[in-house]
Amino acid sequence: MLDLIRDAVETMVFSQNVVVDEEGNEQVEGFFVGTGNEMLTIVLMIFVILLIVFILGKYLWNNYLVEAVPGIKPLKSVTQFVAIWFVTQTLFTK
């Protein structure tokens, strides 16, 4: 999920410029293309998407996973789901 968001932000906000120095080495330089309003919009969109994912994740956990898998307890708050999501993203992403 975070990889998808990072890729979208990089393609919308940053552009790459290839610079060749005197020795013939290529260096890629990134620079900001958008305005402040575009950056604020992107940050708000990411926040809303993550909020929806967290609320939907807690709902699915409590209503489907608890019933389907024995030994799984219901979550009491969205923050518990956020912590579980963060740990799984940390352990199982590239």
PDB file of N, CA and C in Angstrom:
ATOM      1  N   MET A   1       0.823  -1.192   0.000  1.00  0.00           N
ATOM      2  CA  MET A   1       0.000   0.000   0.000  1.00  0.00           C
ATOM      3  C   MET A   1       0.867   1.255   0.000  1.00  0.00           C
ATOM      4  N   LEU A   2       1.868   1.259   0.889  1.00  0.00           N
ATOM      5  CA  LEU A   2       2.735   2.429   0.936  1.00  0.00           C
ATOM      6  C   LEU A   2       3.536   2.586  -0.347  1.00  0.00           C
ATOM      7  N   ASP A   3       3.908   1.475  -0.961  1.00  0.00           N
ATOM      8  CA  ASP A   3       4.640   1.545  -2.230  1.00  0.00           C
ATOM      9  C   ASP A   3       3.777   2.183  -3.316  1.00  0.00           C
ATOM     10  N   LEU A   4       2.507   1.830  -3.339  1.00  0.00           N
ATOM     11  CA  LEU A   4       1.585   2.388  -4.315  1.00  0.00           C
ATOM     12  C   LEU A   4       1.427   3.896  -4.128  1.00  0.00           C
ATOM     13  N   ILE A   5       1.290   4.333  -2.887  1.00  0.00           N
ATOM     14  CA  ILE A   5       1.155   5.762  -2.597  1.00  0.00           C
ATOM     15  C   ILE A   5       2.438   6.497  -2.950  1.00  0.00           C
ATOM     16  N   ARG A   6       3.591   5.926  -2.577  1.00  0.00           N
ATOM     17  CA  ARG A   6       4.869   6.572  -2.884  1.00  0.00           C
ATOM     18  C   ARG A   6       5.065   6.733  -4.392  1.00  0.00           C
ATOM     19  N   ASP A   7       4.749   5.705  -5.162  1.00  0.00           N
ATOM     20  CA  ASP A   7       4.893   5.783  -6.613  1.00  0.00           C
ATOM     21  C   ASP A   7       3.984   6.854  -7.212  1.00  0.00           C
ATOM     22  N   ALA A   8       2.751   6.939  -6.706  1.00  0.00           N
ATOM     23  CA  ALA A   8       1.821   7.946  -7.217  1.00  0.00           C
ATOM     24  C   ALA A   8       2.311   9.354  -6.909  1.00  0.00           C
ATOM     25  N   VAL A   9       2.820   9.570  -5.700  1.00  0.00           N
ATOM     26  CA  VAL A   9       3.319  10.900  -5.330  1.00  0.00           C
ATOM     27  C   VAL A   9       4.540  11.256  -6.152  1.00  0.00           C
ATOM     28  N   GLU A  10       5.432  10.306  -6.370  1.00  0.00           N
ATOM     29  CA  GLU A  10       6.637  10.590  -7.149  1.00  0.00           C
ATOM     30  C   GLU A  10       6.307  10.958  -8.589  1.00  0.00           C
ATOM     31  N   THR A  11       5.318  10.297  -9.183  1.00  0.00           N
ATOM     32  CA  THR A  11       4.991  10.607 -10.570  1.00  0.00           C
ATOM     33  C   THR A  11       4.249  11.930 -10.693  1.00  0.00           C
ATOM     34  N   MET A  12       3.474  12.304  -9.662  1.00  0.00           N
ATOM     35  CA  MET A  12       2.712  13.558  -9.737  1.00  0.00           C
ATOM     36  C   MET A  12       3.534  14.761  -9.338  1.00  0.00           C
ATOM     37  N   VAL A  13       4.463  14.604  -8.402  1.00  0.00           N
ATOM     38  CA  VAL A  13       5.113  15.754  -7.805  1.00  0.00           C
ATOM     39  C   VAL A  13       6.524  15.975  -8.324  1.00  0.00           C
ATOM     40  N   PHE A  14       7.268  14.924  -8.528  1.00  0.00           N
ATOM     41  CA  PHE A  14       8.667  15.083  -8.876  1.00  0.00           C
ATOM     42  C   PHE A  14       8.919  14.734 -10.338  1.00  0.00           C
ATOM     43  N   SER A  15       9.877  15.410 -10.898  1.00  0.00           N
ATOM     44  CA  SER A  15      10.324  15.118 -12.256  1.00  0.00           C
ATOM     45  C   SER A  15      11.821  14.865 -12.185  1.00  0.00           C
ATOM     46  N   GLN A  16      12.330  14.054 -13.084  1.00  0.00           N
ATOM     47  CA  GLN A  16      13.747  13.750 -13.057  1.00  0.00           C
ATOM     48  C   GLN A  16      14.463  14.469 -14.177  1.00  0.00           C
ATOM     49  N   ASN A  17      15.629  14.951 -13.857  1.00  0.00           N
ATOM     50  CA  ASN A  17      16.460  15.653 -14.805  1.00  0.00           C
ATOM     51  C   ASN A  17      17.818  14.963 -14.813  1.00  0.00           C
ATOM     52  N   VAL A  18      18.251  14.468 -15.971  1.00  0.00           N
ATOM     53  CA  VAL A  18      19.543  13.791 -16.079  1.00  0.00           C
ATOM     54  C   VAL A  18      20.587  14.822 -16.463  1.00  0.00           C
ATOM     55  N   VAL A  19      21.630  14.916 -15.641  1.00  0.00           N
ATOM     56  CA  VAL A  19      22.709  15.872 -15.867  1.00  0.00           C
ATOM     57  C   VAL A  19      23.997  15.089 -16.093  1.00  0.00           C
ATOM     58  N   VAL A  20      24.742  15.457 -17.124  1.00  0.00           N
ATOM     59  CA  VAL A  20      26.028  14.825 -17.415  1.00  0.00           C
ATOM     60  C   VAL A  20      27.129  15.811 -17.035  1.00  0.00           C
ATOM     61  N   ASP A  21      28.042  15.364 -16.146  1.00  0.00           N
ATOM     62  CA  ASP A  21      29.125  16.251 -15.731  1.00  0.00           C
ATOM     63  C   ASP A  21      30.290  16.186 -16.720  1.00  0.00           C
ATOM     64  N   GLU A  22      31.403  16.879 -16.394  1.00  0.00           N
ATOM     65  CA  GLU A  22      32.540  16.965 -17.309  1.00  0.00           C
ATOM     66  C   GLU A  22      33.173  15.608 -17.595  1.00  0.00           C
ATOM     67  N   GLU A  23      33.079  14.677 -16.654  1.00  0.00           N
ATOM     68  CA  GLU A  23      33.699  13.365 -16.820  1.00  0.00           C
ATOM     69  C   GLU A  23      32.787  12.384 -17.542  1.00  0.00           C
ATOM     70  N   GLY A  24      31.590  12.781 -17.883  1.00  0.00           N
ATOM     71  CA  GLY A  24      30.667  11.928 -18.604  1.00  0.00           C
ATOM     72  C   GLY A  24      29.763  11.090 -17.715  1.00  0.00           C
ATOM     73  N   ASN A  25      29.804  11.338 -16.400  1.00  0.00           N
ATOM     74  CA  ASN A  25      28.949  10.603 -15.474  1.00  0.00           C
ATOM     75  C   ASN A  25      27.552  11.207 -15.466  1.00  0.00           C
ATOM     76  N   GLU A  26      26.557  10.332 -15.530  1.00  0.00           N
ATOM     77  CA  GLU A  26      25.178  10.805 -15.494  1.00  0.00           C
ATOM     78  C   GLU A  26      24.686  10.854 -14.053  1.00  0.00           C
ATOM     79  N   GLN A  27      24.036  11.952 -13.695  1.00  0.00           N
ATOM     80  CA  GLN A  27      23.447  12.096 -12.373  1.00  0.00           C
ATOM     81  C   GLN A  27      21.988  12.488 -12.550  1.00  0.00           C
ATOM     82  N   VAL A  28      21.125  11.820 -11.791  1.00  0.00           N
ATOM     83  CA  VAL A  28      19.698  12.106 -11.862  1.00  0.00           C
ATOM     84  C   VAL A  28      19.352  13.061 -10.732  1.00  0.00           C
ATOM     85  N   GLU A  29      18.770  14.185 -11.097  1.00  0.00           N
ATOM     86  CA  GLU A  29      18.354  15.163 -10.103  1.00  0.00           C
ATOM     87  C   GLU A  29      16.845  15.280 -10.148  1.00  0.00           C
ATOM     88  N   GLY A  30      16.204  15.244  -8.984  1.00  0.00           N
ATOM     89  CA  GLY A  30      14.764  15.420  -8.909  1.00  0.00           C
ATOM     90  C   GLY A  30      14.443  16.825  -8.428  1.00  0.00           C
ATOM     91  N   PHE A  31      13.363  17.376  -8.928  1.00  0.00           N
ATOM     92  CA  PHE A  31      12.962  18.705  -8.480  1.00  0.00           C
ATOM     93  C   PHE A  31      11.449  18.771  -8.420  1.00  0.00           C
ATOM     94  N   PHE A  32      10.968  19.656  -7.586  1.00  0.00           N
ATOM     95  CA  PHE A  32       9.534  19.788  -7.352  1.00  0.00           C
ATOM     96  C   PHE A  32       8.879  20.504  -8.522  1.00  0.00           C
ATOM     97  N   VAL A  33       7.791  19.923  -9.030  1.00  0.00           N
ATOM     98  CA  VAL A  33       7.108  20.484 -10.185  1.00  0.00           C
ATOM     99  C   VAL A  33       5.835  21.221  -9.795  1.00  0.00           C
ATOM    100  N   GLY A  34       5.117  20.724  -8.799  1.00  0.00           N
ATOM    101  CA  GLY A  34       3.804  21.256  -8.451  1.00  0.00           C
ATOM    102  C   GLY A  34       3.867  22.479  -7.569  1.00  0.00           C
ATOM    103  N   THR A  35       2.677  23.017  -7.298  1.00  0.00           N
ATOM    104  CA  THR A  35       2.560  24.168  -6.407  1.00  0.00           C
ATOM    105  C   THR A  35       2.261  23.681  -5.005  1.00  0.00           C
ATOM    106  N   GLY A  36       2.193  24.611  -4.054  1.00  0.00           N
ATOM    107  CA  GLY A  36       1.881  24.267  -2.679  1.00  0.00           C
ATOM    108  C   GLY A  36       0.487  23.681  -2.539  1.00  0.00           C
ATOM    109  N   ASN A  37      -0.472  24.184  -3.335  1.00  0.00           N
ATOM    110  CA  ASN A  37      -1.832  23.662  -3.274  1.00  0.00           C
ATOM    111  C   ASN A  37      -1.894  22.211  -3.750  1.00  0.00           C
ATOM    112  N   GLU A  38      -1.117  21.874  -4.764  1.00  0.00           N
ATOM    113  CA  GLU A  38      -1.088  20.499  -5.255  1.00  0.00           C
ATOM    114  C   GLU A  38      -0.514  19.563  -4.204  1.00  0.00           C
ATOM    115  N   MET A  39       0.523  19.996  -3.515  1.00  0.00           N
ATOM    116  CA  MET A  39       1.126  19.167  -2.479  1.00  0.00           C
ATOM    117  C   MET A  39       0.150  18.964  -1.323  1.00  0.00           C
ATOM    118  N   LEU A  40      -0.555  20.002  -0.925  1.00  0.00           N
ATOM    119  CA  LEU A  40      -1.551  19.897   0.142  1.00  0.00           C
ATOM    120  C   LEU A  40      -2.666  18.944  -0.267  1.00  0.00           C
ATOM    121  N   THR A  41      -3.100  19.019  -1.513  1.00  0.00           N
ATOM    122  CA  THR A  41      -4.136  18.124  -2.012  1.00  0.00           C
ATOM    123  C   THR A  41      -3.668  16.672  -1.969  1.00  0.00           C
ATOM    124  N   ILE A  42      -2.439  16.424  -2.366  1.00  0.00           N
ATOM    125  CA  ILE A  42      -1.893  15.066  -2.353  1.00  0.00           C
ATOM    126  C   ILE A  42      -1.822  14.531  -0.926  1.00  0.00           C
ATOM    127  N   VAL A  43      -1.349  15.347   0.005  1.00  0.00           N
ATOM    128  CA  VAL A  43      -1.253  14.911   1.397  1.00  0.00           C
ATOM    129  C   VAL A  43      -2.638  14.617   1.966  1.00  0.00           C
ATOM    130  N   LEU A  44      -3.613  15.462   1.680  1.00  0.00           N
ATOM    131  CA  LEU A  44      -4.974  15.223   2.158  1.00  0.00           C
ATOM    132  C   LEU A  44      -5.582  13.970   1.536  1.00  0.00           C
ATOM    133  N   MET A  45      -5.329  13.732   0.257  1.00  0.00           N
ATOM    134  CA  MET A  45      -5.834  12.521  -0.395  1.00  0.00           C
ATOM    135  C   MET A  45      -5.235  11.271   0.243  1.00  0.00           C
ATOM    136  N   ILE A  46      -3.948  11.296   0.523  1.00  0.00           N
ATOM    137  CA  ILE A  46      -3.300  10.159   1.174  1.00  0.00           C
ATOM    138  C   ILE A  46      -3.901   9.926   2.552  1.00  0.00           C
ATOM    139  N   PHE A  47      -4.108  10.997   3.303  1.00  0.00           N
ATOM    140  CA  PHE A  47      -4.695  10.887   4.642  1.00  0.00           C
ATOM    141  C   PHE A  47      -6.094  10.285   4.580  1.00  0.00           C
ATOM    142  N   VAL A  48      -6.923  10.742   3.663  1.00  0.00           N
ATOM    143  CA  VAL A  48      -8.291  10.225   3.537  1.00  0.00           C
ATOM    144  C   VAL A  48      -8.279   8.760   3.114  1.00  0.00           C
ATOM    145  N   ILE A  49      -7.414   8.400   2.171  1.00  0.00           N
ATOM    146  CA  ILE A  49      -7.336   7.007   1.715  1.00  0.00           C
ATOM    147  C   ILE A  49      -6.906   6.094   2.858  1.00  0.00           C
ATOM    148  N   LEU A  50      -5.892   6.500   3.616  1.00  0.00           N
ATOM    149  CA  LEU A  50      -5.441   5.677   4.738  1.00  0.00           C
ATOM    150  C   LEU A  50      -6.510   5.580   5.814  1.00  0.00           C
ATOM    151  N   LEU A  51      -7.231   6.657   6.072  1.00  0.00           N
ATOM    152  CA  LEU A  51      -8.306   6.627   7.064  1.00  0.00           C
ATOM    153  C   LEU A  51      -9.393   5.640   6.655  1.00  0.00           C
ATOM    154  N   ILE A  52      -9.764   5.650   5.390  1.00  0.00           N
ATOM    155  CA  ILE A  52     -10.773   4.707   4.890  1.00  0.00           C
ATOM    156  C   ILE A  52     -10.261   3.272   5.003  1.00  0.00           C
ATOM    157  N   VAL A  53      -9.000   3.040   4.655  1.00  0.00           N
ATOM    158  CA  VAL A  53      -8.421   1.695   4.747  1.00  0.00           C
ATOM    159  C   VAL A  53      -8.423   1.210   6.189  1.00  0.00           C
ATOM    160  N   PHE A  54      -8.084   2.077   7.129  1.00  0.00           N
ATOM    161  CA  PHE A  54      -8.025   1.668   8.530  1.00  0.00           C
ATOM    162  C   PHE A  54      -9.416   1.363   9.093  1.00  0.00           C
ATOM    163  N   ILE A  55     -10.382   2.189   8.785  1.00  0.00           N
ATOM    164  CA  ILE A  55     -11.739   1.941   9.280  1.00  0.00           C
ATOM    165  C   ILE A  55     -12.325   0.697   8.632  1.00  0.00           C
ATOM    166  N   LEU A  56     -12.145   0.550   7.335  1.00  0.00           N
ATOM    167  CA  LEU A  56     -12.634  -0.636   6.635  1.00  0.00           C
ATOM    168  C   LEU A  56     -11.915  -1.896   7.131  1.00  0.00           C
ATOM    169  N   GLY A  57     -10.627  -1.795   7.404  1.00  0.00           N
ATOM    170  CA  GLY A  57      -9.865  -2.927   7.905  1.00  0.00           C
ATOM    171  C   GLY A  57     -10.359  -3.392   9.265  1.00  0.00           C
ATOM    172  N   LYS A  58     -10.654  -2.451  10.157  1.00  0.00           N
ATOM    173  CA  LYS A  58     -11.198  -2.826  11.469  1.00  0.00           C
ATOM    174  C   LYS A  58     -12.551  -3.490  11.318  1.00  0.00           C
ATOM    175  N   TYR A  59     -13.385  -2.978  10.447  1.00  0.00           N
ATOM    176  CA  TYR A  59     -14.707  -3.557  10.213  1.00  0.00           C
ATOM    177  C   TYR A  59     -14.590  -4.989   9.691  1.00  0.00           C
ATOM    178  N   LEU A  60     -13.735  -5.180   8.689  1.00  0.00           N
ATOM    179  CA  LEU A  60     -13.566  -6.516   8.117  1.00  0.00           C
ATOM    180  C   LEU A  60     -12.952  -7.485   9.132  1.00  0.00           C
ATOM    181  N   TRP A  61     -12.013  -7.003   9.922  1.00  0.00           N
ATOM    182  CA  TRP A  61     -11.392  -7.837  10.950  1.00  0.00           C
ATOM    183  C   TRP A  61     -12.449  -8.334  11.933  1.00  0.00           C
ATOM    184  N   ASN A  62     -13.239  -7.394  12.467  1.00  0.00           N
ATOM    185  CA  ASN A  62     -14.215  -7.757  13.498  1.00  0.00           C
ATOM    186  C   ASN A  62     -15.379  -8.577  12.958  1.00  0.00           C
ATOM    187  N   ASN A  63     -15.804  -8.343  11.740  1.00  0.00           N
ATOM    188  CA  ASN A  63     -16.993  -9.011  11.230  1.00  0.00           C
ATOM    189  C   ASN A  63     -16.719 -10.280  10.437  1.00  0.00           C
ATOM    190  N   TYR A  64     -15.531 -10.440   9.894  1.00  0.00           N
ATOM    191  CA  TYR A  64     -15.261 -11.613   9.069  1.00  0.00           C
ATOM    192  C   TYR A  64     -14.108 -12.461   9.594  1.00  0.00           C
ATOM    193  N   LEU A  65     -12.997 -11.855   9.935  1.00  0.00           N
ATOM    194  CA  LEU A  65     -11.832 -12.624  10.360  1.00  0.00           C
ATOM    195  C   LEU A  65     -12.071 -13.298  11.712  1.00  0.00           C
ATOM    196  N   VAL A  66     -12.721 -12.600  12.633  1.00  0.00           N
ATOM    197  CA  VAL A  66     -12.995 -13.171  13.957  1.00  0.00           C
ATOM    198  C   VAL A  66     -13.888 -14.399  13.835  1.00  0.00           C
ATOM    199  N   GLU A  67     -14.856 -14.353  12.944  1.00  0.00           N
ATOM    200  CA  GLU A  67     -15.763 -15.488  12.761  1.00  0.00           C
ATOM    201  C   GLU A  67     -15.103 -16.640  12.003  1.00  0.00           C
ATOM    202  N   ALA A  68     -14.189 -16.333  11.092  1.00  0.00           N
ATOM    203  CA  ALA A  68     -13.620 -17.366  10.224  1.00  0.00           C
ATOM    204  C   ALA A  68     -12.419 -18.081  10.836  1.00  0.00           C
ATOM    205  N   VAL A  69     -11.644 -17.403  11.654  1.00  0.00           N
ATOM    206  CA  VAL A  69     -10.414 -17.981  12.195  1.00  0.00           C
ATOM    207  C   VAL A  69     -10.539 -18.103  13.713  1.00  0.00           C
ATOM    208  N   PRO A  70     -10.487 -19.325  14.241  1.00  0.00           N
ATOM    209  CA  PRO A  70     -10.569 -19.467  15.690  1.00  0.00           C
ATOM    210  C   PRO A  70      -9.316 -18.898  16.371  1.00  0.00           C
ATOM    211  N   GLY A  71      -9.507 -18.281  17.508  1.00  0.00           N
ATOM    212  CA  GLY A  71      -8.389 -17.723  18.260  1.00  0.00           C
ATOM    213  C   GLY A  71      -8.129 -16.260  17.979  1.00  0.00           C
ATOM    214  N   ILE A  72      -8.756 -15.688  16.976  1.00  0.00           N
ATOM    215  CA  ILE A  72      -8.601 -14.266  16.663  1.00  0.00           C
ATOM    216  C   ILE A  72      -9.637 -13.488  17.473  1.00  0.00           C
ATOM    217  N   LYS A  73      -9.173 -12.469  18.181  1.00  0.00           N
ATOM    218  CA  LYS A  73     -10.079 -11.661  19.000  1.00  0.00           C
ATOM    219  C   LYS A  73     -10.461 -10.392  18.251  1.00  0.00           C
ATOM    220  N   PRO A  74     -11.632  -9.815  18.553  1.00  0.00           N
ATOM    221  CA  PRO A  74     -12.034  -8.562  17.914  1.00  0.00           C
ATOM    222  C   PRO A  74     -11.150  -7.397  18.360  1.00  0.00           C
ATOM    223  N   LEU A  75     -11.019  -6.435  17.479  1.00  0.00           N
ATOM    224  CA  LEU A  75     -10.257  -5.229  17.796  1.00  0.00           C
ATOM    225  C   LEU A  75     -11.157  -4.247  18.539  1.00  0.00           C
ATOM    226  N   LYS A  76     -10.567  -3.540  19.501  1.00  0.00           N
ATOM    227  CA  LYS A  76     -11.337  -2.564  20.275  1.00  0.00           C
ATOM    228  C   LYS A  76     -11.296  -1.173  19.648  1.00  0.00           C
ATOM    229  N   SER A  77     -10.243  -0.882  18.900  1.00  0.00           N
ATOM    230  CA  SER A  77     -10.124   0.453  18.308  1.00  0.00           C
ATOM    231  C   SER A  77      -9.401   0.371  16.969  1.00  0.00           C
ATOM    232  N   VAL A  78      -9.482   1.449  16.232  1.00  0.00           N
ATOM    233  CA  VAL A  78      -8.803   1.533  14.934  1.00  0.00           C
ATOM    234  C   VAL A  78      -7.293   1.560  15.140  1.00  0.00           C
ATOM    235  N   THR A  79      -6.838   2.096  16.267  1.00  0.00           N
ATOM    236  CA  THR A  79      -5.393   2.164  16.498  1.00  0.00           C
ATOM    237  C   THR A  79      -4.769   0.778  16.608  1.00  0.00           C
ATOM    238  N   GLN A  80      -5.508  -0.197  17.105  1.00  0.00           N
ATOM    239  CA  GLN A  80      -4.987  -1.561  17.118  1.00  0.00           C
ATOM    240  C   GLN A  80      -4.793  -2.072  15.691  1.00  0.00           C
ATOM    241  N   PHE A  81      -5.734  -1.775  14.810  1.00  0.00           N
ATOM    242  CA  PHE A  81      -5.581  -2.189  13.419  1.00  0.00           C
ATOM    243  C   PHE A  81      -4.419  -1.452  12.758  1.00  0.00           C
ATOM    244  N   VAL A  82      -4.246  -0.175  13.069  1.00  0.00           N
ATOM    245  CA  VAL A  82      -3.131   0.596  12.505  1.00  0.00           C
ATOM    246  C   VAL A  82      -1.806  -0.031  12.923  1.00  0.00           C
ATOM    247  N   ALA A  83      -1.696  -0.429  14.189  1.00  0.00           N
ATOM    248  CA  ALA A  83      -0.458  -1.045  14.668  1.00  0.00           C
ATOM    249  C   ALA A  83      -0.201  -2.373  13.960  1.00  0.00           C
ATOM    250  N   ILE A  84      -1.232  -3.201  13.807  1.00  0.00           N
ATOM    251  CA  ILE A  84      -1.082  -4.479  13.114  1.00  0.00           C
ATOM    252  C   ILE A  84      -0.718  -4.248  11.650  1.00  0.00           C
ATOM    253  N   TRP A  85      -1.357  -3.288  11.020  1.00  0.00           N
ATOM    254  CA  TRP A  85      -1.073  -2.965   9.625  1.00  0.00           C
ATOM    255  C   TRP A  85       0.375  -2.490   9.459  1.00  0.00           C
ATOM    256  N   PHE A  86       0.834  -1.645  10.381  1.00  0.00           N
ATOM    257  CA  PHE A  86       2.198  -1.125  10.312  1.00  0.00           C
ATOM    258  C   PHE A  86       3.218  -2.259  10.449  1.00  0.00           C
ATOM    259  N   VAL A  87       2.981  -3.160  11.380  1.00  0.00           N
ATOM    260  CA  VAL A  87       3.909  -4.278  11.572  1.00  0.00           C
ATOM    261  C   VAL A  87       3.951  -5.170  10.330  1.00  0.00           C
ATOM    262  N   THR A  88       2.785  -5.479   9.758  1.00  0.00           N
ATOM    263  CA  THR A  88       2.778  -6.332   8.568  1.00  0.00           C
ATOM    264  C   THR A  88       3.428  -5.630   7.376  1.00  0.00           C
ATOM    265  N   GLN A  89       3.215  -4.332   7.233  1.00  0.00           N
ATOM    266  CA  GLN A  89       3.865  -3.601   6.144  1.00  0.00           C
ATOM    267  C   GLN A  89       5.375  -3.575   6.330  1.00  0.00           C
ATOM    268  N   THR A  90       5.818  -3.455   7.564  1.00  0.00           N
ATOM    269  CA  THR A  90       7.252  -3.435   7.838  1.00  0.00           C
ATOM    270  C   THR A  90       7.893  -4.792   7.578  1.00  0.00           C
ATOM    271  N   LEU A  91       7.200  -5.849   7.967  1.00  0.00           N
ATOM    272  CA  LEU A  91       7.788  -7.179   7.839  1.00  0.00           C
ATOM    273  C   LEU A  91       7.701  -7.763   6.430  1.00  0.00           C
ATOM    274  N   PHE A  92       6.648  -7.456   5.707  1.00  0.00           N
ATOM    275  CA  PHE A  92       6.374  -8.185   4.463  1.00  0.00           C
ATOM    276  C   PHE A  92       6.456  -7.343   3.198  1.00  0.00           C
ATOM    277  N   THR A  93       7.068  -6.181   3.221  1.00  0.00           N
ATOM    278  CA  THR A  93       7.257  -5.412   1.986  1.00  0.00           C
ATOM    279  C   THR A  93       8.731  -5.447   1.595  1.00  0.00           C
ATOM    280  N   LYS A  94       8.991  -5.051   0.370  1.00  0.00           N
ATOM    281  CA  LYS A  94      10.369  -5.086  -0.156  1.00  0.00           C
ATOM    282  C   LYS A  94      11.274  -4.159   0.604  1.00  0.00           C
TER     283      LYS A  94
END
